[in-house]
Structures are given as structure tokens and as C-alpha cells.
């Protein structure tokens, strides 16, 4: 089947940098005039995290609700959510000092703050 047989034209094919997409695959698409921009791996990770942690758990009512949820998730992602590559720190928040005294660990007062109706949870030491 030729893409032109479908009655539409394709300008771009957005895909990731998976090894299953070889140079030959790109050459076939280039012959038909389709550009293949490469996705940014950081953007891919953010989108997948957003979908998995927010959008798959939330019923979005309209565009205004979606924008509110995405803004709140972005704040959560950058200021509170831990990241494995940052050794459990958040991008805009440094790791807290480790607790070294065993007596302090036994008397921790942890408070939870729910965001987006309980979809996201933030945990803080009570002052």
C-alpha cells in the first residue's frame, strides 16, 4: 500500500530513537518526502511520567482543567518528585541533610500533602 493511496499526505513521522528504526527505514520515508525528527529523550521521559502518574489516573473535563492539572504536575515534578538520576533529589530542590542520630529516626513526624485531589502526594518533615 502506498501512502498516497490513502488519500492523505504525511509530512512528519514522530518517533523515538529506538534501534529498530534503522537508516534504511529513514531512507524509505525520505523517498516519500516524510521528515523524521528525532525525539528528545528528556522530553520523552517527562511525557511518559506525566501520562503514567497523572493523566492515566485523572478524568480531564475540559482544556482549562487539563492546563491546571499539567501546571500542578509540572510544579510537583520539578520541586518535589524524586528523580533517580539526581540520587533521589528533585530538579529544583536539593537533597535534605541525612539524619544520623538513631533517636531522630524513631521520632519522625512526617506530614502528607495531597495535590490534585489526592492523585499526587508530597511528604514533608513537620517543623
Protein backbone atom coordinates (compact mmCIF):
# COMPACT_ATOMS: atom_id res chain seq x y z
CA UNK A 1 0.00 0.00 0.00
CA UNK A 2 1.28 3.41 -0.94
CA UNK A 3 0.67 6.30 1.45
CA UNK A 4 -0.83 8.27 -1.39
CA UNK A 5 -3.45 5.53 -1.85
CA UNK A 6 -4.99 6.55 1.47
CA UNK A 7 -5.86 9.98 0.06
CA UNK A 8 -3.78 11.90 2.61
CA UNK A 9 -0.28 13.21 2.77
CA UNK A 10 2.13 12.76 5.64
CA UNK A 11 4.73 15.43 6.40
CA UNK A 12 6.28 14.13 9.63
CA UNK A 13 6.66 10.84 11.45
CA UNK A 14 7.50 11.43 15.08
CA UNK A 15 9.29 8.53 16.72
CA UNK A 16 11.86 7.82 19.38
CA UNK A 17 15.49 6.80 18.89
CA UNK A 18 14.86 3.08 19.21
CA UNK A 19 17.36 0.87 17.39
CA UNK A 20 14.56 -0.88 15.49
CA UNK A 21 14.29 2.25 13.31
CA UNK A 22 17.31 1.81 11.05
CA UNK A 23 18.80 4.16 8.46
CA UNK A 24 17.07 2.09 5.77
CA UNK A 25 13.72 2.82 7.43
CA UNK A 26 14.50 6.55 7.38
CA UNK A 27 15.62 6.33 3.75
CA UNK A 28 12.30 4.79 2.66
CA UNK A 29 10.40 7.56 4.42
CA UNK A 30 12.69 10.24 2.98
CA UNK A 31 12.00 8.94 -0.54
CA UNK A 32 8.30 9.61 0.03
CA UNK A 33 9.01 13.12 1.35
CA UNK A 34 8.37 12.37 5.02
CA UNK A 35 10.68 14.07 7.52
CA UNK A 36 11.62 12.12 10.65
CA UNK A 37 12.60 14.43 13.52
CA UNK A 38 14.28 12.66 16.41
CA UNK A 39 12.58 12.98 19.78
CA UNK A 40 14.43 14.36 22.76
CA UNK A 41 14.90 11.63 25.38
CA UNK A 42 14.32 14.08 28.26
CA UNK A 43 11.02 15.17 26.74
CA UNK A 44 10.03 11.55 26.17
CA UNK A 45 10.67 10.72 29.83
CA UNK A 46 8.65 13.72 31.01
CA UNK A 47 5.71 12.88 28.77
CA UNK A 48 5.70 9.22 29.86
CA UNK A 49 5.92 10.20 33.54
CA UNK A 50 3.12 12.72 33.12
CA UNK A 51 0.89 10.16 31.41
CA UNK A 52 1.64 7.38 33.90
CA UNK A 53 1.46 9.45 37.10
CA UNK A 54 -1.26 11.96 36.19
CA UNK A 55 -3.25 11.51 33.02
CA UNK A 56 -3.95 7.78 33.37
CA UNK A 57 -5.36 8.46 36.85
CA UNK A 58 -7.36 11.60 36.16
CA UNK A 59 -10.59 12.25 34.32
CA UNK A 60 -9.99 15.51 32.47
CA UNK A 61 -13.13 17.57 31.97
CA UNK A 62 -12.01 20.31 29.59
CA UNK A 63 -8.99 22.28 28.38
CA UNK A 64 -8.97 24.55 31.43
CA UNK A 65 -8.90 21.54 33.76
CA UNK A 66 -6.13 19.92 31.68
CA UNK A 67 -3.96 23.06 31.82
CA UNK A 68 -4.48 23.35 35.59
CA UNK A 69 -3.54 19.68 36.11
CA UNK A 70 -0.45 19.99 33.88
CA UNK A 71 0.74 23.15 35.67
CA UNK A 72 0.30 21.47 39.05
CA UNK A 73 2.07 18.32 37.84
CA UNK A 74 4.95 20.38 36.43
CA UNK A 75 5.43 22.06 39.81
CA UNK A 76 5.28 18.67 41.55
CA UNK A 77 7.72 17.13 39.04
CA UNK A 78 10.32 19.91 39.34
CA UNK A 79 10.04 20.82 43.02
CA UNK A 80 9.06 17.67 44.91
CA UNK A 81 9.14 14.41 42.92
CA UNK A 82 12.35 12.48 43.37
CA UNK A 83 14.45 11.57 40.34
CA UNK A 84 16.67 8.50 40.19
CA UNK A 85 19.36 10.26 38.14
CA UNK A 86 19.59 13.01 40.78
CA UNK A 87 20.06 10.46 43.58
CA UNK A 88 16.52 10.98 44.91
CA UNK A 89 16.56 14.78 44.73
CA UNK A 90 14.15 16.96 42.77
CA UNK A 91 15.49 19.19 39.94
CA UNK A 92 14.72 22.44 41.78
CA UNK A 93 15.30 21.16 45.34
CA UNK A 94 18.48 19.79 46.85
CA UNK A 95 18.58 16.66 48.98
CA UNK A 96 17.98 17.30 52.69
CA UNK A 97 20.73 16.57 55.17
CA UNK A 98 20.72 12.92 56.22
CA UNK A 99 19.55 12.02 59.71
CA UNK A 100 22.46 10.47 61.57
CA UNK A 101 21.12 10.10 65.11
CA UNK A 102 19.01 6.97 65.73
CA UNK A 103 16.82 8.90 68.21
CA UNK A 104 15.72 11.31 65.50
CA UNK A 105 14.65 8.48 63.20
CA UNK A 106 12.42 6.96 65.89
CA UNK A 107 10.56 10.27 66.38
CA UNK A 108 9.99 11.45 62.81
CA UNK A 109 6.82 13.41 62.20
CA UNK A 110 6.03 13.10 58.50
CA UNK A 111 3.11 15.03 57.01
CA UNK A 112 1.47 14.26 53.69
CA UNK A 113 0.08 16.96 51.41
CA UNK A 114 -2.24 15.80 48.63
CA UNK A 115 -2.23 17.56 45.27
CA UNK A 116 -4.83 17.32 42.52
CA UNK A 117 -7.42 15.70 44.74
CA UNK A 118 -5.08 13.03 46.07
CA UNK A 119 -3.58 11.94 42.74
CA UNK A 120 -0.15 13.24 43.76
CA UNK A 121 1.28 13.11 47.28
CA UNK A 122 4.01 15.25 48.82
CA UNK A 123 5.69 14.26 52.07
CA UNK A 124 7.42 16.71 54.42
CA UNK A 125 9.00 16.64 57.87
CA UNK A 126 6.81 18.56 60.30
CA UNK A 127 8.61 21.54 61.80
